[in-house]
Structures are given as C-alpha cells and as structure tokens.
Amino acid sequence: MYVGTAGMVFHVMNRGVRRARLFDSDGDYQTCLVVLAAGLLRHPAHLLAYCLMPNHFHLVVSPTQDGQMSRLMHWFTGTHSRRWHWQRGTTGTGAVYQGRFKACPVQTDSHFLTVCRYVERNALRAGLVRRAEAWPWSSLADRSRSRQMLRLSPWPVERPFDWEDQVNQAVRTADMESVRKALAQGVPFGTTEWSERVAATLGVRPTVRGYARQMSS
C-alpha cells in the first residue's frame, strides 16, 4: 500500500499488544524518543507531530521517498520492541506491539490541522493533564517550550497563531470519530475529490465505510 507515497502526509498509530502499557516511566518515554530519532536519521521522513501515550503512540509523518514510511515504522517498532524487552529482562517472551501499524493519508488543508489537533490533544482528552502542552511527550510540548526532544519539520500549512488554545478547546465528536475511523480503516482523510484520487493511486477504498465524514469549519 505504501508505495508511491513520497511527499504525502500520513497519520500513523500503533499500540501495545492487548492494549498493554508501553511506557511505565519517564525513562521509557525517553528511550522511545531516542529510538524514533535514530529511525528518522536512518529513514529521513518529515516528522510533523507526535504524541506518546501510556499504551500507544500517534505520529504525523511525511515520507520523502516511496516506500520509506513502511521501512521507518518497521525499523522503529522493531528496534523499540527489542529495547523494551532488554530493559525489562523479558527478551523472547512475546510481542510488544499489537501488530502492523495503522496509517491513513491526510490532505494538507484543514484536514491536516484536524489530525494534528487530534494527535496533540491526546493526553488532555485522556485526562492526564489539564493543558495539552503540559504533556511532555508530545510535539505540542516541544514547540511550546522551544525544545528539541525530536527534530520537527515545518508544517505544509500555516499553523494558526492561537494553535495551543485551539488544541485545548473541545473537539466536535463528529471530527474525532472521522479521524478515528479513517485511521482504523486506512482510508484517505480529506475531501471527496482528493480522497478518491489518492485512493486510486494507493489501491484502497476512498471513504470511511459506514460513516459520513463531516468537518467543522
């Protein structure tokens, strides 16, 4: 599926097997970021947004070469799994991740902003923090604190001047469900015309099955 994708933007997610925790301490989160940073050096895709959560992660990534995203994710999750087992003394005891990552192409317009808002407010939505930028394992925290946990690439659309406030505002249920379903089913997240064109290129269904996407303005 992920051939002919150079320059596209993807929302990517994977979670622990049987929804088990991936991260138990600050050191666990830091290890994962170190591995991801190494993966991005080895397979230099553009990282646009991310959020690590206790039992899963979200990335917004734009590969620079065809087939690059699959290589990056295979290396990242495989290397992180080995490091995870090594730190716990559990090497050879089973899978860390539930399986292959989930991903969907994202149109670089308001749909891109919707996905990034969804990703960067993950910890707030889960009740882990009172403000989304207070969650240290996210691109929103990186940018709000002008730090370099990971090298983040410029966005393909202009970031609103009040982006932090927008991320901290409530999100329409329809928008959240639209993002979730596109990711779960691996279909393009964008306008109908764009989705049909991208779906034809990638050989996937153009729309979310059983759900009519509605975007807020």
C-alpha atoms as a PDB file:
ATOM      1  CA  MET A   1       0.000   0.000   0.000  1.00  0.00           C
ATOM      2  CA  TYR A   2       2.724   2.477   0.919  1.00  0.00           C
ATOM      3  CA  VAL A   3       4.479   2.664  -2.431  1.00  0.00           C
ATOM      4  CA  GLY A   4       4.256   5.890  -4.436  1.00  0.00           C
ATOM      5  CA  THR A   5       3.767   7.922  -1.275  1.00  0.00           C
ATOM      6  CA  ALA A   6       6.714  10.352  -1.273  1.00  0.00           C
ATOM      7  CA  GLY A   7       5.503  13.785  -0.184  1.00  0.00           C
ATOM      8  CA  MET A   8       2.174  12.584   1.195  1.00  0.00           C
ATOM      9  CA  VAL A   9       1.258  13.111   4.843  1.00  0.00           C
ATOM     10  CA  PHE A  10       0.154  10.171   6.994  1.00  0.00           C
ATOM     11  CA  HIS A  11      -1.462   9.808  10.395  1.00  0.00           C
ATOM     12  CA  VAL A  12       0.203   6.756  11.956  1.00  0.00           C
ATOM     13  CA  MET A  13      -0.649   4.852  15.128  1.00  0.00           C
ATOM     14  CA  ASN A  14       0.322   1.671  16.935  1.00  0.00           C
ATOM     15  CA  ARG A  15      -0.446   0.358  20.410  1.00  0.00           C
ATOM     16  CA  GLY A  16       0.788  -2.233  22.855  1.00  0.00           C
ATOM     17  CA  VAL A  17      -0.334  -5.815  22.353  1.00  0.00           C
ATOM     18  CA  ARG A  18      -3.701  -6.370  24.049  1.00  0.00           C
ATOM     19  CA  ARG A  19      -3.573  -2.645  24.904  1.00  0.00           C
ATOM     20  CA  ALA A  20      -0.786  -3.298  27.419  1.00  0.00           C
ATOM     21  CA  ARG A  21       1.307  -0.360  28.633  1.00  0.00           C
ATOM     22  CA  LEU A  22       4.300   0.569  26.545  1.00  0.00           C
ATOM     23  CA  PHE A  23       5.663   3.209  28.939  1.00  0.00           C
ATOM     24  CA  ASP A  24       5.896   2.930  32.729  1.00  0.00           C
ATOM     25  CA  SER A  25       8.356   5.721  33.475  1.00  0.00           C
ATOM     26  CA  ASP A  26       9.931   8.876  32.069  1.00  0.00           C
ATOM     27  CA  GLY A  27      12.872   6.717  31.063  1.00  0.00           C
ATOM     28  CA  ASP A  28      10.594   4.523  28.951  1.00  0.00           C
ATOM     29  CA  TYR A  29       9.255   7.549  27.066  1.00  0.00           C
ATOM     30  CA  GLN A  30      12.760   8.951  26.592  1.00  0.00           C
ATOM     31  CA  THR A  31      14.022   5.623  25.259  1.00  0.00           C
ATOM     32  CA  CYS A  32      11.237   5.539  22.703  1.00  0.00           C
ATOM     33  CA  LEU A  33      12.033   9.067  21.530  1.00  0.00           C
ATOM     34  CA  VAL A  34      15.726   8.181  21.206  1.00  0.00           C
ATOM     35  CA  VAL A  35      14.809   5.184  19.057  1.00  0.00           C
ATOM     36  CA  LEU A  36      12.409   7.261  16.933  1.00  0.00           C
ATOM     37  CA  ALA A  37      15.061   9.944  16.442  1.00  0.00           C
ATOM     38  CA  ALA A  38      17.514   7.274  15.282  1.00  0.00           C
ATOM     39  CA  GLY A  39      14.897   5.882  12.921  1.00  0.00           C
ATOM     40  CA  LEU A  40      14.322   9.300  11.393  1.00  0.00           C
ATOM     41  CA  LEU A  41      18.057   9.637  10.777  1.00  0.00           C
ATOM     42  CA  ARG A  42      18.164   6.223   9.138  1.00  0.00           C
ATOM     43  CA  HIS A  43      14.954   6.786   7.151  1.00  0.00           C
ATOM     44  CA  PRO A  44      14.719  10.609   6.994  1.00  0.00           C
ATOM     45  CA  ALA A  45      10.987  11.267   6.759  1.00  0.00           C
ATOM     46  CA  HIS A  46       9.491  14.553   7.959  1.00  0.00           C
ATOM     47  CA  LEU A  47       8.016  14.321  11.459  1.00  0.00           C
ATOM     48  CA  LEU A  48       5.223  16.894  11.725  1.00  0.00           C
ATOM     49  CA  ALA A  49       3.509  15.976  15.006  1.00  0.00           C
ATOM     50  CA  TYR A  50       3.560  13.206  17.599  1.00  0.00           C
ATOM     51  CA  CYS A  51       2.210  12.107  20.949  1.00  0.00           C
ATOM     52  CA  LEU A  52       3.352   9.165  23.055  1.00  0.00           C
ATOM     53  CA  MET A  53       0.649   7.799  25.349  1.00  0.00           C
ATOM     54  CA  PRO A  54       0.922   5.102  28.045  1.00  0.00           C
ATOM     55  CA  ASN A  55      -0.176   2.261  25.741  1.00  0.00           C
ATOM     56  CA  HIS A  56       0.059   3.715  22.222  1.00  0.00           C
ATOM     57  CA  PHE A  57       1.556   6.448  20.067  1.00  0.00           C
ATOM     58  CA  HIS A  58       0.446   8.766  17.261  1.00  0.00           C
ATOM     59  CA  LEU A  59       2.719  10.229  14.580  1.00  0.00           C
ATOM     60  CA  VAL A  60       2.049  12.582  11.678  1.00  0.00           C
ATOM     61  CA  VAL A  61       4.725  11.780   9.108  1.00  0.00           C
ATOM     62  CA  SER A  62       5.586  12.716   5.542  1.00  0.00           C
ATOM     63  CA  PRO A  63       7.957  10.269   3.786  1.00  0.00           C
ATOM     64  CA  THR A  64      10.463  11.748   1.367  1.00  0.00           C
ATOM     65  CA  GLN A  65      10.849   8.551  -0.677  1.00  0.00           C
ATOM     66  CA  ASP A  66       8.437   5.928  -1.932  1.00  0.00           C
ATOM     67  CA  GLY A  67       8.138   3.015   0.473  1.00  0.00           C
ATOM     68  CA  GLN A  68      10.037   4.914   3.158  1.00  0.00           C
ATOM     69  CA  MET A  69       7.278   5.001   5.750  1.00  0.00           C
ATOM     70  CA  SER A  70       6.988   1.221   5.942  1.00  0.00           C
ATOM     71  CA  ARG A  71      10.767   0.925   6.329  1.00  0.00           C
ATOM     72  CA  LEU A  72      10.799   3.603   9.031  1.00  0.00           C
ATOM     73  CA  MET A  73       7.960   2.074  11.032  1.00  0.00           C
ATOM     74  CA  HIS A  74       9.329  -1.455  10.733  1.00  0.00           C
ATOM     75  CA  TRP A  75      12.733  -0.314  11.994  1.00  0.00           C
ATOM     76  CA  PHE A  76      11.286   1.920  14.727  1.00  0.00           C
ATOM     77  CA  THR A  77       8.828  -0.548  16.246  1.00  0.00           C
ATOM     78  CA  GLY A  78      11.212  -3.486  15.852  1.00  0.00           C
ATOM     79  CA  THR A  79      14.110  -1.656  17.496  1.00  0.00           C
ATOM     80  CA  HIS A  80      11.910  -0.219  20.231  1.00  0.00           C
ATOM     81  CA  SER A  81      10.473  -3.685  20.955  1.00  0.00           C
ATOM     82  CA  ARG A  82      13.958  -5.143  21.396  1.00  0.00           C
ATOM     83  CA  ARG A  83      14.991  -2.246  23.640  1.00  0.00           C
ATOM     84  CA  TRP A  84      11.742  -2.591  25.631  1.00  0.00           C
ATOM     85  CA  HIS A  85      12.381  -6.292  26.294  1.00  0.00           C
ATOM     86  CA  TRP A  86      16.061  -5.718  27.081  1.00  0.00           C
ATOM     87  CA  GLN A  87      15.249  -3.091  29.714  1.00  0.00           C
ATOM     88  CA  ARG A  88      12.801  -5.476  31.413  1.00  0.00           C
ATOM     89  CA  GLY A  89      14.793  -8.686  31.022  1.00  0.00           C
ATOM     90  CA  THR A  90      11.956 -10.238  29.016  1.00  0.00           C
ATOM     91  CA  THR A  91      13.639 -10.927  25.677  1.00  0.00           C
ATOM     92  CA  GLY A  92      11.928 -13.767  23.820  1.00  0.00           C
ATOM     93  CA  THR A  93       8.656 -13.602  25.758  1.00  0.00           C
ATOM     94  CA  GLY A  94       6.400 -12.238  23.020  1.00  0.00           C
ATOM     95  CA  ALA A  95       5.305  -9.233  21.000  1.00  0.00           C
ATOM     96  CA  VAL A  96       5.319  -5.684  22.344  1.00  0.00           C
ATOM     97  CA  TYR A  97       3.057  -4.136  19.690  1.00  0.00           C
ATOM     98  CA  GLN A  98      -0.363  -5.385  18.616  1.00  0.00           C
ATOM     99  CA  GLY A  99       0.824  -5.872  15.055  1.00  0.00           C
ATOM    100  CA  ARG A 100       1.422  -3.765  11.973  1.00  0.00           C
ATOM    101  CA  PHE A 101       0.945  -0.035  12.415  1.00  0.00           C
ATOM    102  CA  LYS A 102      -2.214   1.701  11.186  1.00  0.00           C
ATOM    103  CA  ALA A 103      -1.920   4.638   8.811  1.00  0.00           C
ATOM    104  CA  CYS A 104      -4.067   6.860   6.622  1.00  0.00           C
ATOM    105  CA  PRO A 105      -3.164   9.597   4.117  1.00  0.00           C
ATOM    106  CA  VAL A 106      -4.152  13.121   5.155  1.00  0.00           C
ATOM    107  CA  GLN A 107      -4.951  16.046   2.885  1.00  0.00           C
ATOM    108  CA  THR A 108      -2.795  19.089   3.626  1.00  0.00           C
ATOM    109  CA  ASP A 109      -5.550  21.603   4.308  1.00  0.00           C
ATOM    110  CA  SER A 110      -7.989  21.905   7.235  1.00  0.00           C
ATOM    111  CA  HIS A 111      -7.968  18.091   7.451  1.00  0.00           C
ATOM    112  CA  PHE A 112      -4.278  18.209   8.357  1.00  0.00           C
ATOM    113  CA  LEU A 113      -4.993  20.681  11.160  1.00  0.00           C
ATOM    114  CA  THR A 114      -7.813  18.459  12.421  1.00  0.00           C
ATOM    115  CA  VAL A 115      -5.484  15.443  12.591  1.00  0.00           C
ATOM    116  CA  CYS A 116      -2.678  17.377  14.311  1.00  0.00           C
ATOM    117  CA  ARG A 117      -5.137  18.790  16.818  1.00  0.00           C
ATOM    118  CA  TYR A 118      -6.439  15.286  17.490  1.00  0.00           C
ATOM    119  CA  VAL A 119      -2.906  13.950  17.987  1.00  0.00           C
ATOM    120  CA  GLU A 120      -1.593  16.775  20.144  1.00  0.00           C
ATOM    121  CA  ARG A 121      -4.603  16.861  22.494  1.00  0.00           C
ATOM    122  CA  ASN A 122      -4.482  13.102  23.148  1.00  0.00           C
ATOM    123  CA  ALA A 123      -3.215  13.394  26.725  1.00  0.00           C
ATOM    124  CA  LEU A 124      -5.720  16.120  27.535  1.00  0.00           C
ATOM    125  CA  ARG A 125      -8.567  14.028  26.163  1.00  0.00           C
ATOM    126  CA  ALA A 126      -7.392  11.112  28.326  1.00  0.00           C
ATOM    127  CA  GLY A 127      -7.387  13.300  31.446  1.00  0.00           C
ATOM    128  CA  LEU A 128      -3.629  13.009  32.001  1.00  0.00           C
ATOM    129  CA  VAL A 129      -3.062  16.781  32.054  1.00  0.00           C
ATOM    130  CA  ARG A 130      -5.108  19.973  32.376  1.00  0.00           C
ATOM    131  CA  ARG A 131      -3.482  21.609  29.362  1.00  0.00           C
ATOM    132  CA  ALA A 132      -2.331  19.663  26.317  1.00  0.00           C
ATOM    133  CA  GLU A 133       1.088  21.348  26.196  1.00  0.00           C
ATOM    134  CA  ALA A 134       1.783  20.126  29.748  1.00  0.00           C
ATOM    135  CA  TRP A 135       2.159  16.552  28.446  1.00  0.00           C
ATOM    136  CA  PRO A 136       5.934  16.327  27.937  1.00  0.00           C
ATOM    137  CA  TRP A 137       5.890  13.507  25.376  1.00  0.00           C
ATOM    138  CA  SER A 138       4.299  15.424  22.504  1.00  0.00           C
ATOM    139  CA  SER A 139       5.193  17.801  19.701  1.00  0.00           C
ATOM    140  CA  LEU A 140       2.954  20.476  21.247  1.00  0.00           C
ATOM    141  CA  ALA A 141       5.152  20.487  24.360  1.00  0.00           C
ATOM    142  CA  ASP A 142       8.265  20.573  22.179  1.00  0.00           C
ATOM    143  CA  ARG A 143       7.108  23.642  20.302  1.00  0.00           C
ATOM    144  CA  SER A 144       5.582  25.457  23.267  1.00  0.00           C
ATOM    145  CA  ARG A 145       8.830  25.072  25.243  1.00  0.00           C
ATOM    146  CA  SER A 146      11.136  25.628  22.238  1.00  0.00           C
ATOM    147  CA  ARG A 147      12.963  22.397  22.995  1.00  0.00           C
ATOM    148  CA  GLN A 148      14.313  19.673  20.725  1.00  0.00           C
ATOM    149  CA  MET A 149      13.134  16.295  22.054  1.00  0.00           C
ATOM    150  CA  LEU A 150      12.742  15.375  18.382  1.00  0.00           C
ATOM    151  CA  ARG A 151      13.539  17.265  15.204  1.00  0.00           C
ATOM    152  CA  LEU A 152      10.191  18.548  13.917  1.00  0.00           C
ATOM    153  CA  SER A 153       9.679  19.649  10.314  1.00  0.00           C
ATOM    154  CA  PRO A 154       7.741  22.735   9.210  1.00  0.00           C
ATOM    155  CA  TRP A 155       4.074  22.136   8.535  1.00  0.00           C
ATOM    156  CA  PRO A 156       2.703  22.083   4.974  1.00  0.00           C
ATOM    157  CA  VAL A 157       0.012  24.577   6.064  1.00  0.00           C
ATOM    158  CA  GLU A 158       0.309  27.656   8.261  1.00  0.00           C
ATOM    159  CA  ARG A 159      -0.063  26.921  11.956  1.00  0.00           C
ATOM    160  CA  PRO A 160      -2.735  29.193  13.473  1.00  0.00           C
ATOM    161  CA  PHE A 161      -1.328  31.851  15.808  1.00  0.00           C
ATOM    162  CA  ASP A 162      -3.610  30.578  18.600  1.00  0.00           C
ATOM    163  CA  TRP A 163      -2.820  26.914  17.985  1.00  0.00           C
ATOM    164  CA  GLU A 164      -2.293  25.986  21.642  1.00  0.00           C
ATOM    165  CA  ASP A 165      -5.674  27.433  22.543  1.00  0.00           C
ATOM    166  CA  GLN A 166      -7.316  25.566  19.661  1.00  0.00           C
ATOM    167  CA  VAL A 167      -5.771  22.284  20.776  1.00  0.00           C
ATOM    168  CA  ASN A 168      -7.084  22.840  24.298  1.00  0.00           C
ATOM    169  CA  GLN A 169     -10.621  23.560  23.143  1.00  0.00           C
ATOM    170  CA  ALA A 170     -13.227  20.811  22.953  1.00  0.00           C
ATOM    171  CA  VAL A 171     -13.356  18.947  19.644  1.00  0.00           C
ATOM    172  CA  ARG A 172     -16.581  18.052  17.885  1.00  0.00           C
ATOM    173  CA  THR A 173     -17.462  14.387  18.325  1.00  0.00           C
ATOM    174  CA  ALA A 174     -18.014  14.090  14.571  1.00  0.00           C
ATOM    175  CA  ASP A 175     -14.466  15.295  13.874  1.00  0.00           C
ATOM    176  CA  MET A 176     -12.933  12.866  16.378  1.00  0.00           C
ATOM    177  CA  GLU A 177     -14.901   9.925  15.003  1.00  0.00           C
ATOM    178  CA  SER A 178     -13.953  10.878  11.465  1.00  0.00           C
ATOM    179  CA  VAL A 179     -10.240  10.868  12.315  1.00  0.00           C
ATOM    180  CA  ARG A 180     -10.509   7.593  14.246  1.00  0.00           C
ATOM    181  CA  LYS A 181     -12.432   5.759  11.565  1.00  0.00           C
ATOM    182  CA  ALA A 182     -10.159   6.903   8.729  1.00  0.00           C
ATOM    183  CA  LEU A 183      -7.153   5.671  10.700  1.00  0.00           C
ATOM    184  CA  ALA A 184      -8.778   2.378  11.717  1.00  0.00           C
ATOM    185  CA  GLN A 185      -9.836   1.609   8.133  1.00  0.00           C
ATOM    186  CA  GLY A 186      -6.712   3.021   6.455  1.00  0.00           C
ATOM    187  CA  VAL A 187      -8.628   5.273   4.071  1.00  0.00           C
ATOM    188  CA  PRO A 188      -7.723   8.828   2.979  1.00  0.00           C
ATOM    189  CA  PHE A 189      -8.774  11.685   5.253  1.00  0.00           C
ATOM    190  CA  GLY A 190      -9.708  14.644   3.088  1.00  0.00           C
ATOM    191  CA  THR A 191     -12.261  15.997   0.645  1.00  0.00           C
ATOM    192  CA  THR A 192     -14.178  13.543  -1.516  1.00  0.00           C
ATOM    193  CA  GLU A 193     -12.356  14.516  -4.712  1.00  0.00           C
ATOM    194  CA  TRP A 194      -8.915  14.304  -3.094  1.00  0.00           C
ATOM    195  CA  SER A 195      -9.727  11.050  -1.290  1.00  0.00           C
ATOM    196  CA  GLU A 196     -10.875   9.370  -4.492  1.00  0.00           C
ATOM    197  CA  ARG A 197      -7.730  10.441  -6.336  1.00  0.00           C
ATOM    198  CA  VAL A 198      -5.390   9.264  -3.556  1.00  0.00           C
ATOM    199  CA  ALA A 199      -7.333   6.026  -3.077  1.00  0.00           C
ATOM    200  CA  ALA A 200      -6.935   5.235  -6.779  1.00  0.00           C
ATOM    201  CA  THR A 201      -3.173   5.841  -6.501  1.00  0.00           C
ATOM    202  CA  LEU A 202      -2.769   3.657  -3.414  1.00  0.00           C
ATOM    203  CA  GLY A 203      -5.332   0.997  -4.302  1.00  0.00           C
ATOM    204  CA  VAL A 204      -7.512   1.493  -1.212  1.00  0.00           C
ATOM    205  CA  ARG A 205     -11.143   2.423  -0.581  1.00  0.00           C
ATOM    206  CA  PRO A 206     -11.720   6.177  -0.939  1.00  0.00           C
ATOM    207  CA  THR A 207     -14.050   6.730   2.028  1.00  0.00           C
ATOM    208  CA  VAL A 208     -14.762   5.515   5.519  1.00  0.00           C
ATOM    209  CA  ARG A 209     -17.138   2.564   5.393  1.00  0.00           C
ATOM    210  CA  GLY A 210     -20.444   3.153   7.144  1.00  0.00           C
ATOM    211  CA  TYR A 211     -19.672   6.723   8.177  1.00  0.00           C
ATOM    212  CA  ALA A 212     -20.345  10.074   6.541  1.00  0.00           C
ATOM    213  CA  ARG A 213     -17.444  12.421   7.345  1.00  0.00           C
ATOM    214  CA  GLN A 214     -18.455  15.890   8.439  1.00  0.00           C
ATOM    215  CA  MET A 215     -15.794  18.501   9.001  1.00  0.00           C
ATOM    216  CA  SER A 216     -16.204  21.557  11.181  1.00  0.00           C
ATOM    217  CA  SER A 217     -15.269  24.878   9.651  1.00  0.00           C
END
